[in-house]
């Protein structure tokens, strides 16, 4: 956008000048003592063009450098070898138990495909996250500390996303309906919410009314810290 705007602005001046001045007269009358005399408007336009060109070159160099830095920044996951598949349940009338069993079968079928390292279930896509009301005992306003997203996932999610568990453990078969609700947090989130404490064992209250059928926030015990 900046390049297009600069091109238009630089081109408008000479076009208007050409429309007002006889080109032959200007070329013949502008030669004096073996040199070419420029009008004040031409000088301003030339200086402006050089200035805009320098700004564009500097901006392009900064963009290339920032892009290189962004590519080399560790993100805590590697989505390049990940394949995302979405199920289509249109026309199927399944109970929650049947949906859960179907998800289990789909994951097992995906893991059985040659070349697949791992598979997991998540409630949103690779680069889609969800926001929700988050409360932490001992912190008056979590929202004042930042914006935190969540992802609901099954065991194998962090292995699938190539995300390391730095402390504690990941989800496993011990985490099921009827047991203590658990969660993992990123290292950056742990540093913000508990800068001088260990996040393992802490409680975060999350409201998952659309997932758990209750509007009451549930205290989830943190079992691990990931990249």
C-alpha atoms as a PDB file:
ATOM      1  CA  UNK A   1       0.000   0.000   0.000  1.00  0.00           C
ATOM      2  CA  UNK A   2       2.818   2.401   0.874  1.00  0.00           C
ATOM      3  CA  UNK A   3       4.607   1.670  -2.406  1.00  0.00           C
ATOM      4  CA  UNK A   4       1.448   2.232  -4.473  1.00  0.00           C
ATOM      5  CA  UNK A   5       0.649   5.475  -2.666  1.00  0.00           C
ATOM      6  CA  UNK A   6       4.203   6.744  -3.140  1.00  0.00           C
ATOM      7  CA  UNK A   7       4.135   5.932  -6.857  1.00  0.00           C
ATOM      8  CA  UNK A   8       0.851   7.774  -7.342  1.00  0.00           C
ATOM      9  CA  UNK A   9       1.983  10.845  -5.409  1.00  0.00           C
ATOM     10  CA  UNK A  10       5.316  11.067  -7.228  1.00  0.00           C
ATOM     11  CA  UNK A  11       3.637  10.659 -10.627  1.00  0.00           C
ATOM     12  CA  UNK A  12       0.914  13.264 -10.088  1.00  0.00           C
ATOM     13  CA  UNK A  13       3.310  16.189  -9.882  1.00  0.00           C
ATOM     14  CA  UNK A  14       5.046  15.742 -13.256  1.00  0.00           C
ATOM     15  CA  UNK A  15       1.697  14.979 -14.898  1.00  0.00           C
ATOM     16  CA  UNK A  16       0.192  18.268 -13.714  1.00  0.00           C
ATOM     17  CA  UNK A  17       3.360  20.141 -14.671  1.00  0.00           C
ATOM     18  CA  UNK A  18       3.308  18.637 -18.138  1.00  0.00           C
ATOM     19  CA  UNK A  19      -0.267  19.738 -18.606  1.00  0.00           C
ATOM     20  CA  UNK A  20       0.543  23.377 -17.788  1.00  0.00           C
ATOM     21  CA  UNK A  21       3.901  23.852 -19.543  1.00  0.00           C
ATOM     22  CA  UNK A  22       4.930  23.648 -23.156  1.00  0.00           C
ATOM     23  CA  UNK A  23       7.468  20.825 -23.169  1.00  0.00           C
ATOM     24  CA  UNK A  24       9.539  22.201 -26.080  1.00  0.00           C
ATOM     25  CA  UNK A  25       9.709  25.678 -24.542  1.00  0.00           C
ATOM     26  CA  UNK A  26      10.639  24.274 -21.169  1.00  0.00           C
ATOM     27  CA  UNK A  27      13.422  22.126 -22.655  1.00  0.00           C
ATOM     28  CA  UNK A  28      14.863  24.921 -24.774  1.00  0.00           C
ATOM     29  CA  UNK A  29      14.453  27.677 -22.218  1.00  0.00           C
ATOM     30  CA  UNK A  30      15.734  25.571 -19.375  1.00  0.00           C
ATOM     31  CA  UNK A  31      19.263  25.310 -20.780  1.00  0.00           C
ATOM     32  CA  UNK A  32      21.632  27.957 -19.525  1.00  0.00           C
ATOM     33  CA  UNK A  33      25.423  27.972 -19.424  1.00  0.00           C
ATOM     34  CA  UNK A  34      25.583  24.343 -20.555  1.00  0.00           C
ATOM     35  CA  UNK A  35      23.409  23.161 -17.643  1.00  0.00           C
ATOM     36  CA  UNK A  36      19.742  22.362 -17.144  1.00  0.00           C
ATOM     37  CA  UNK A  37      17.682  24.589 -14.923  1.00  0.00           C
ATOM     38  CA  UNK A  38      14.957  22.928 -12.897  1.00  0.00           C
ATOM     39  CA  UNK A  39      11.864  24.632 -11.658  1.00  0.00           C
ATOM     40  CA  UNK A  40      11.285  24.715  -7.867  1.00  0.00           C
ATOM     41  CA  UNK A  41       8.452  22.211  -8.293  1.00  0.00           C
ATOM     42  CA  UNK A  42      10.726  19.766 -10.116  1.00  0.00           C
ATOM     43  CA  UNK A  43      13.328  20.029  -7.380  1.00  0.00           C
ATOM     44  CA  UNK A  44      10.740  19.381  -4.690  1.00  0.00           C
ATOM     45  CA  UNK A  45       9.375  16.379  -6.577  1.00  0.00           C
ATOM     46  CA  UNK A  46      12.852  14.950  -7.119  1.00  0.00           C
ATOM     47  CA  UNK A  47      13.766  15.349  -3.448  1.00  0.00           C
ATOM     48  CA  UNK A  48      10.448  13.817  -2.416  1.00  0.00           C
ATOM     49  CA  UNK A  49      10.980  10.844  -4.718  1.00  0.00           C
ATOM     50  CA  UNK A  50      14.438  10.201  -3.280  1.00  0.00           C
ATOM     51  CA  UNK A  51      13.122  10.524   0.276  1.00  0.00           C
ATOM     52  CA  UNK A  52      10.223   8.133  -0.340  1.00  0.00           C
ATOM     53  CA  UNK A  53      12.560   5.651  -2.029  1.00  0.00           C
ATOM     54  CA  UNK A  54      14.880   5.680   0.980  1.00  0.00           C
ATOM     55  CA  UNK A  55      11.931   5.144   3.323  1.00  0.00           C
ATOM     56  CA  UNK A  56      10.723   2.189   1.241  1.00  0.00           C
ATOM     57  CA  UNK A  57      14.183   0.623   1.117  1.00  0.00           C
ATOM     58  CA  UNK A  58      14.626   0.959   4.878  1.00  0.00           C
ATOM     59  CA  UNK A  59      11.139  -0.434   5.476  1.00  0.00           C
ATOM     60  CA  UNK A  60      11.818  -3.398   3.183  1.00  0.00           C
ATOM     61  CA  UNK A  61      15.095  -4.143   4.967  1.00  0.00           C
ATOM     62  CA  UNK A  62      13.396  -4.014   8.375  1.00  0.00           C
ATOM     63  CA  UNK A  63      10.608  -6.287   7.127  1.00  0.00           C
ATOM     64  CA  UNK A  64      13.076  -8.881   5.838  1.00  0.00           C
ATOM     65  CA  UNK A  65      14.990  -8.804   9.112  1.00  0.00           C
ATOM     66  CA  UNK A  66      11.799  -9.073  11.197  1.00  0.00           C
ATOM     67  CA  UNK A  67      10.557 -11.944   9.039  1.00  0.00           C
ATOM     68  CA  UNK A  68      13.841 -13.782   9.548  1.00  0.00           C
ATOM     69  CA  UNK A  69      13.654 -13.240  13.302  1.00  0.00           C
ATOM     70  CA  UNK A  70      10.051 -14.466  13.382  1.00  0.00           C
ATOM     71  CA  UNK A  71      10.961 -17.659  11.514  1.00  0.00           C
ATOM     72  CA  UNK A  72      13.783 -18.405  13.936  1.00  0.00           C
ATOM     73  CA  UNK A  73      11.722 -17.697  17.070  1.00  0.00           C
ATOM     74  CA  UNK A  74      10.797 -20.900  18.935  1.00  0.00           C
ATOM     75  CA  UNK A  75       7.003 -21.102  19.071  1.00  0.00           C
ATOM     76  CA  UNK A  76       6.678 -24.142  21.299  1.00  0.00           C
ATOM     77  CA  UNK A  77       5.138 -26.260  18.543  1.00  0.00           C
ATOM     78  CA  UNK A  78       5.847 -27.434  15.018  1.00  0.00           C
ATOM     79  CA  UNK A  79       2.748 -27.572  12.812  1.00  0.00           C
ATOM     80  CA  UNK A  80       4.613 -28.164   9.542  1.00  0.00           C
ATOM     81  CA  UNK A  81       4.220 -31.980   9.529  1.00  0.00           C
ATOM     82  CA  UNK A  82       0.740 -31.912  11.090  1.00  0.00           C
ATOM     83  CA  UNK A  83      -2.324 -32.862   9.061  1.00  0.00           C
ATOM     84  CA  UNK A  84      -5.671 -31.590  10.275  1.00  0.00           C
ATOM     85  CA  UNK A  85      -8.807 -33.659   9.657  1.00  0.00           C
ATOM     86  CA  UNK A  86     -12.351 -32.618  10.505  1.00  0.00           C
ATOM     87  CA  UNK A  87     -15.176 -35.050  11.087  1.00  0.00           C
ATOM     88  CA  UNK A  88     -18.553 -34.566   9.419  1.00  0.00           C
ATOM     89  CA  UNK A  89     -21.460 -35.774  11.554  1.00  0.00           C
ATOM     90  CA  UNK A  90     -24.248 -34.267   9.467  1.00  0.00           C
ATOM     91  CA  UNK A  91     -27.175 -36.659   9.244  1.00  0.00           C
ATOM     92  CA  UNK A  92     -25.974 -38.769  12.184  1.00  0.00           C
ATOM     93  CA  UNK A  93     -27.920 -38.802  15.430  1.00  0.00           C
ATOM     94  CA  UNK A  94     -25.326 -39.912  17.968  1.00  0.00           C
ATOM     95  CA  UNK A  95     -25.426 -39.811  21.729  1.00  0.00           C
ATOM     96  CA  UNK A  96     -22.504 -38.199  23.623  1.00  0.00           C
ATOM     97  CA  UNK A  97     -21.196 -41.686  24.441  1.00  0.00           C
ATOM     98  CA  UNK A  98     -21.355 -42.711  20.784  1.00  0.00           C
ATOM     99  CA  UNK A  99     -19.539 -39.542  19.701  1.00  0.00           C
ATOM    100  CA  UNK A 100     -16.826 -40.229  22.255  1.00  0.00           C
ATOM    101  CA  UNK A 101     -16.423 -43.782  20.991  1.00  0.00           C
ATOM    102  CA  UNK A 102     -16.319 -42.562  17.397  1.00  0.00           C
ATOM    103  CA  UNK A 103     -13.583 -40.077  18.280  1.00  0.00           C
ATOM    104  CA  UNK A 104     -11.578 -42.846  19.919  1.00  0.00           C
ATOM    105  CA  UNK A 105     -11.899 -45.040  16.845  1.00  0.00           C
ATOM    106  CA  UNK A 106     -10.895 -42.205  14.536  1.00  0.00           C
ATOM    107  CA  UNK A 107      -7.772 -41.467  16.569  1.00  0.00           C
ATOM    108  CA  UNK A 108      -6.797 -45.134  16.658  1.00  0.00           C
ATOM    109  CA  UNK A 109      -7.353 -45.394  12.904  1.00  0.00           C
ATOM    110  CA  UNK A 110      -5.176 -42.323  12.324  1.00  0.00           C
ATOM    111  CA  UNK A 111      -2.387 -43.724  14.481  1.00  0.00           C
ATOM    112  CA  UNK A 112      -2.484 -46.962  12.489  1.00  0.00           C
ATOM    113  CA  UNK A 113      -1.720 -45.177   9.213  1.00  0.00           C
ATOM    114  CA  UNK A 114       1.894 -45.892   8.132  1.00  0.00           C
ATOM    115  CA  UNK A 115       4.129 -42.897   8.773  1.00  0.00           C
ATOM    116  CA  UNK A 116       1.863 -41.286  11.349  1.00  0.00           C
ATOM    117  CA  UNK A 117       3.742 -40.583  14.587  1.00  0.00           C
ATOM    118  CA  UNK A 118       0.790 -39.665  16.767  1.00  0.00           C
ATOM    119  CA  UNK A 119      -2.766 -38.367  16.644  1.00  0.00           C
ATOM    120  CA  UNK A 120      -5.004 -36.470  19.006  1.00  0.00           C
ATOM    121  CA  UNK A 121      -8.376 -34.786  19.248  1.00  0.00           C
ATOM    122  CA  UNK A 122      -8.856 -31.052  19.782  1.00  0.00           C
ATOM    123  CA  UNK A 123     -11.925 -28.867  19.835  1.00  0.00           C
ATOM    124  CA  UNK A 124     -10.527 -26.330  17.360  1.00  0.00           C
ATOM    125  CA  UNK A 125      -8.081 -26.180  14.471  1.00  0.00           C
ATOM    126  CA  UNK A 126      -4.312 -25.870  14.521  1.00  0.00           C
ATOM    127  CA  UNK A 127      -4.233 -22.090  14.683  1.00  0.00           C
ATOM    128  CA  UNK A 128      -7.634 -21.560  16.275  1.00  0.00           C
ATOM    129  CA  UNK A 129      -7.976 -21.072  20.004  1.00  0.00           C
ATOM    130  CA  UNK A 130     -10.792 -20.175  22.343  1.00  0.00           C
ATOM    131  CA  UNK A 131     -11.181 -17.555  25.013  1.00  0.00           C
ATOM    132  CA  UNK A 132     -13.143 -17.916  28.216  1.00  0.00           C
ATOM    133  CA  UNK A 133     -13.592 -16.402  31.638  1.00  0.00           C
ATOM    134  CA  UNK A 134     -10.558 -17.384  33.672  1.00  0.00           C
ATOM    135  CA  UNK A 135     -10.197 -16.960  37.412  1.00  0.00           C
ATOM    136  CA  UNK A 136      -7.259 -17.841  39.609  1.00  0.00           C
ATOM    137  CA  UNK A 137      -7.485 -17.938  43.413  1.00  0.00           C
ATOM    138  CA  UNK A 138      -5.395 -15.139  44.875  1.00  0.00           C
ATOM    139  CA  UNK A 139      -5.465 -12.972  41.727  1.00  0.00           C
ATOM    140  CA  UNK A 140      -8.064 -10.206  41.641  1.00  0.00           C
ATOM    141  CA  UNK A 141      -8.155  -9.735  37.855  1.00  0.00           C
ATOM    142  CA  UNK A 142      -6.566 -12.229  35.494  1.00  0.00           C
ATOM    143  CA  UNK A 143      -7.681 -10.130  32.516  1.00  0.00           C
ATOM    144  CA  UNK A 144      -5.463  -7.293  33.743  1.00  0.00           C
ATOM    145  CA  UNK A 145      -2.418  -9.549  33.319  1.00  0.00           C
ATOM    146  CA  UNK A 146      -3.072 -10.527  29.706  1.00  0.00           C
ATOM    147  CA  UNK A 147      -5.281 -12.382  27.270  1.00  0.00           C
ATOM    148  CA  UNK A 148      -5.168 -16.157  27.661  1.00  0.00           C
ATOM    149  CA  UNK A 149      -6.520 -18.712  25.190  1.00  0.00           C
ATOM    150  CA  UNK A 150      -7.372 -22.334  25.793  1.00  0.00           C
ATOM    151  CA  UNK A 151      -7.516 -25.540  23.799  1.00  0.00           C
ATOM    152  CA  UNK A 152      -9.440 -28.659  24.820  1.00  0.00           C
ATOM    153  CA  UNK A 153      -7.488 -31.723  23.699  1.00  0.00           C
ATOM    154  CA  UNK A 154      -6.977 -35.413  24.306  1.00  0.00           C
ATOM    155  CA  UNK A 155      -3.900 -37.346  25.332  1.00  0.00           C
ATOM    156  CA  UNK A 156      -1.254 -37.287  22.629  1.00  0.00           C
ATOM    157  CA  UNK A 157      -1.936 -33.658  21.725  1.00  0.00           C
ATOM    158  CA  UNK A 158       1.459 -32.320  22.776  1.00  0.00           C
ATOM    159  CA  UNK A 159       3.318 -35.180  21.108  1.00  0.00           C
ATOM    160  CA  UNK A 160       1.329 -34.550  17.933  1.00  0.00           C
ATOM    161  CA  UNK A 161       2.140 -30.827  18.000  1.00  0.00           C
ATOM    162  CA  UNK A 162       5.777 -31.529  18.936  1.00  0.00           C
ATOM    163  CA  UNK A 163       5.414 -29.502  22.120  1.00  0.00           C
ATOM    164  CA  UNK A 164       7.687 -30.378  25.018  1.00  0.00           C
ATOM    165  CA  UNK A 165       6.374 -30.779  28.534  1.00  0.00           C
ATOM    166  CA  UNK A 166       8.888 -28.825  30.613  1.00  0.00           C
ATOM    167  CA  UNK A 167       7.584 -29.740  34.059  1.00  0.00           C
ATOM    168  CA  UNK A 168       4.997 -32.169  35.327  1.00  0.00           C
ATOM    169  CA  UNK A 169       3.193 -34.455  32.880  1.00  0.00           C
ATOM    170  CA  UNK A 170       0.883 -34.373  29.886  1.00  0.00           C
ATOM    171  CA  UNK A 171      -2.624 -35.774  29.633  1.00  0.00           C
ATOM    172  CA  UNK A 172      -2.938 -39.553  29.858  1.00  0.00           C
ATOM    173  CA  UNK A 173      -5.509 -42.247  30.558  1.00  0.00           C
ATOM    174  CA  UNK A 174      -5.780 -41.172  34.184  1.00  0.00           C
ATOM    175  CA  UNK A 175      -7.569 -38.021  33.102  1.00  0.00           C
ATOM    176  CA  UNK A 176     -11.132 -39.044  32.364  1.00  0.00           C
ATOM    177  CA  UNK A 177     -14.703 -38.204  33.320  1.00  0.00           C
ATOM    178  CA  UNK A 178     -15.230 -38.574  37.063  1.00  0.00           C
ATOM    179  CA  UNK A 179     -11.673 -37.694  38.048  1.00  0.00           C
ATOM    180  CA  UNK A 180     -10.194 -34.359  39.106  1.00  0.00           C
ATOM    181  CA  UNK A 181     -10.326 -31.941  36.133  1.00  0.00           C
ATOM    182  CA  UNK A 182      -6.799 -31.009  35.078  1.00  0.00           C
ATOM    183  CA  UNK A 183      -5.041 -28.584  32.792  1.00  0.00           C
ATOM    184  CA  UNK A 184      -1.621 -27.711  31.436  1.00  0.00           C
ATOM    185  CA  UNK A 185      -0.371 -24.165  30.966  1.00  0.00           C
ATOM    186  CA  UNK A 186       2.328 -22.671  28.808  1.00  0.00           C
ATOM    187  CA  UNK A 187       5.559 -21.529  30.384  1.00  0.00           C
ATOM    188  CA  UNK A 188       4.787 -17.893  29.553  1.00  0.00           C
ATOM    189  CA  UNK A 189       1.363 -18.129  31.208  1.00  0.00           C
ATOM    190  CA  UNK A 190       2.882 -19.737  34.306  1.00  0.00           C
ATOM    191  CA  UNK A 191       5.469 -16.953  34.551  1.00  0.00           C
ATOM    192  CA  UNK A 192       2.744 -14.287  34.353  1.00  0.00           C
ATOM    193  CA  UNK A 193       0.300 -15.803  36.832  1.00  0.00           C
ATOM    194  CA  UNK A 194       2.800 -17.297  39.305  1.00  0.00           C
ATOM    195  CA  UNK A 195       6.116 -15.484  38.736  1.00  0.00           C
ATOM    196  CA  UNK A 196       7.751 -16.663  41.966  1.00  0.00           C
ATOM    197  CA  UNK A 197       5.957 -19.977  42.466  1.00  0.00           C
ATOM    198  CA  UNK A 198       5.656 -23.384  40.886  1.00  0.00           C
ATOM    199  CA  UNK A 199       2.520 -23.650  38.749  1.00  0.00           C
ATOM    200  CA  UNK A 200       2.183 -27.395  39.315  1.00  0.00           C
ATOM    201  CA  UNK A 201      -0.742 -28.051  41.650  1.00  0.00           C
ATOM    202  CA  UNK A 202      -2.207 -24.573  41.253  1.00  0.00           C
ATOM    203  CA  UNK A 203      -5.882 -24.123  40.438  1.00  0.00           C
ATOM    204  CA  UNK A 204      -7.439 -22.267  37.545  1.00  0.00           C
ATOM    205  CA  UNK A 205     -11.195 -21.830  37.335  1.00  0.00           C
ATOM    206  CA  UNK A 206     -12.504 -22.112  33.793  1.00  0.00           C
ATOM    207  CA  UNK A 207     -16.109 -21.893  32.627  1.00  0.00           C
ATOM    208  CA  UNK A 208     -16.864 -24.574  30.032  1.00  0.00           C
ATOM    209  CA  UNK A 209     -20.663 -24.483  29.959  1.00  0.00           C
ATOM    210  CA  UNK A 210     -20.865 -25.702  26.356  1.00  0.00           C
ATOM    211  CA  UNK A 211     -18.611 -28.661  27.108  1.00  0.00           C
ATOM    212  CA  UNK A 212     -19.625 -29.749  30.581  1.00  0.00           C
ATOM    213  CA  UNK A 213     -23.268 -28.716  30.728  1.00  0.00           C
ATOM    214  CA  UNK A 214     -22.745 -26.396  33.680  1.00  0.00           C
ATOM    215  CA  UNK A 215     -22.404 -22.677  34.012  1.00  0.00           C
ATOM    216  CA  UNK A 216     -20.345 -22.963  37.186  1.00  0.00           C
ATOM    217  CA  UNK A 217     -16.583 -22.521  36.826  1.00  0.00           C
ATOM    218  CA  UNK A 218     -14.619 -25.685  37.460  1.00  0.00           C
ATOM    219  CA  UNK A 219     -11.349 -25.683  39.355  1.00  0.00           C
ATOM    220  CA  UNK A 220      -8.749 -27.480  37.282  1.00  0.00           C
ATOM    221  CA  UNK A 221      -5.511 -28.602  38.832  1.00  0.00           C
ATOM    222  CA  UNK A 222      -2.413 -27.833  36.780  1.00  0.00           C
ATOM    223  CA  UNK A 223      -0.442 -30.995  36.114  1.00  0.00           C
ATOM    224  CA  UNK A 224       2.139 -29.697  33.680  1.00  0.00           C
ATOM    225  CA  UNK A 225       3.909 -26.733  32.103  1.00  0.00           C
ATOM    226  CA  UNK A 226       4.646 -26.836  28.375  1.00  0.00           C
ATOM    227  CA  UNK A 227       6.609 -24.766  25.898  1.00  0.00           C
END
